[in-house]
Amino acid sequence: MLDKSESQALHLGPTPNHDRAHPATISVQDVSFWYGPKKALKDVSLEIFKKEVTAFIGPSGCGKTTLLRCLNRTNEIIPNTRIEGRILLEGQDIYAPEIDPPVLRRRFGWIAQKPNPFPRSISRNITYGAELQGLATNRADRTALVEKSLQAVGMWDEVKDRLRQPGTDLSGGQQQRLCIARAIAMQPDVVLMDEPCSALDPVSTALVEELIDELRQNYTIVIVTHNMQQAARVAQRVAFFHLGELIEAGDSKDIFVRPQTDRCHDFITGRYG
């Protein structure tokens, strides 16, 4: 168990516990994954709950991003990889033979470590994918989608008078929020975030963290982070990985205040990482 000063330093968020009213959106069942001969995940089983934030933590190379990419089947694009086990999304095996991977991936929004807006206007960043998928078929649809998506990430008032300017002209924090707006414009079920604040300043990081808490009211969110304070602030559930194994998973308050293993305790208190 952490001492009082250590637990206070984590600044646990207002809801650091799983709500039993929320069902599991994703069920990971005995998943192992290989890059060539290297086994990157070892028999991982985990449930990820609807309208909650689940944070993946652990040292570099422990399998966090590998599992994140297994959830939307982007790991299989890499040559010479292999997966065993099952991943269920709303009860359906996403690796079943009848599943079309491109169609499946539309159910997942992806936010990368570094903001990566398209080299197009702010509005086009949001409407481009939605048009391709038939979600915005006319000008009125596109206009409404742009405003709705930017409102959702708290950017509408900041950029409503410059929607034709390139998204790449925005600040780093604004670019990342634009990328989140672009992702939710596609109406995903789950939003996957791979260290979304690693390239941002503290003020922009705080804005994105507030946004994550707002978005979880409508989306299931999975975030990979190396920032223990961030995980404690934003997540209801935490999964700790080490060398491809899932060591502990549970409510954020339990993981950060009452870790059950020495390895997890040592990691969250900064003894290694």
Foldseek 3Di string as FASTA:
>chain_A
DDDPVQLVVLVFAPQLADDPVWAFQKWFAQKWKDQAPRIQAGGDTDTFTALFEEEEEEDPSQCQVVVLCVQLVPVVVDPRMDMDGFMDGNHHTCPPPVHDSVVSNLQEFEQEQFQDFDQFFLLCSQCVVCCVVVNQPDPVSSVVLSQVLCVLLVCCVVPVPRRRDTLVVDDRLSSRSSSVSSRCSSVHQEYEYENNCNPDDPVSVVSVLVSLNSCSNRHRYYYYHHDSSSCSHRGQKYWYGGSNYGDDIGRSCCQSVPNDDPVSVCSSSVVDD
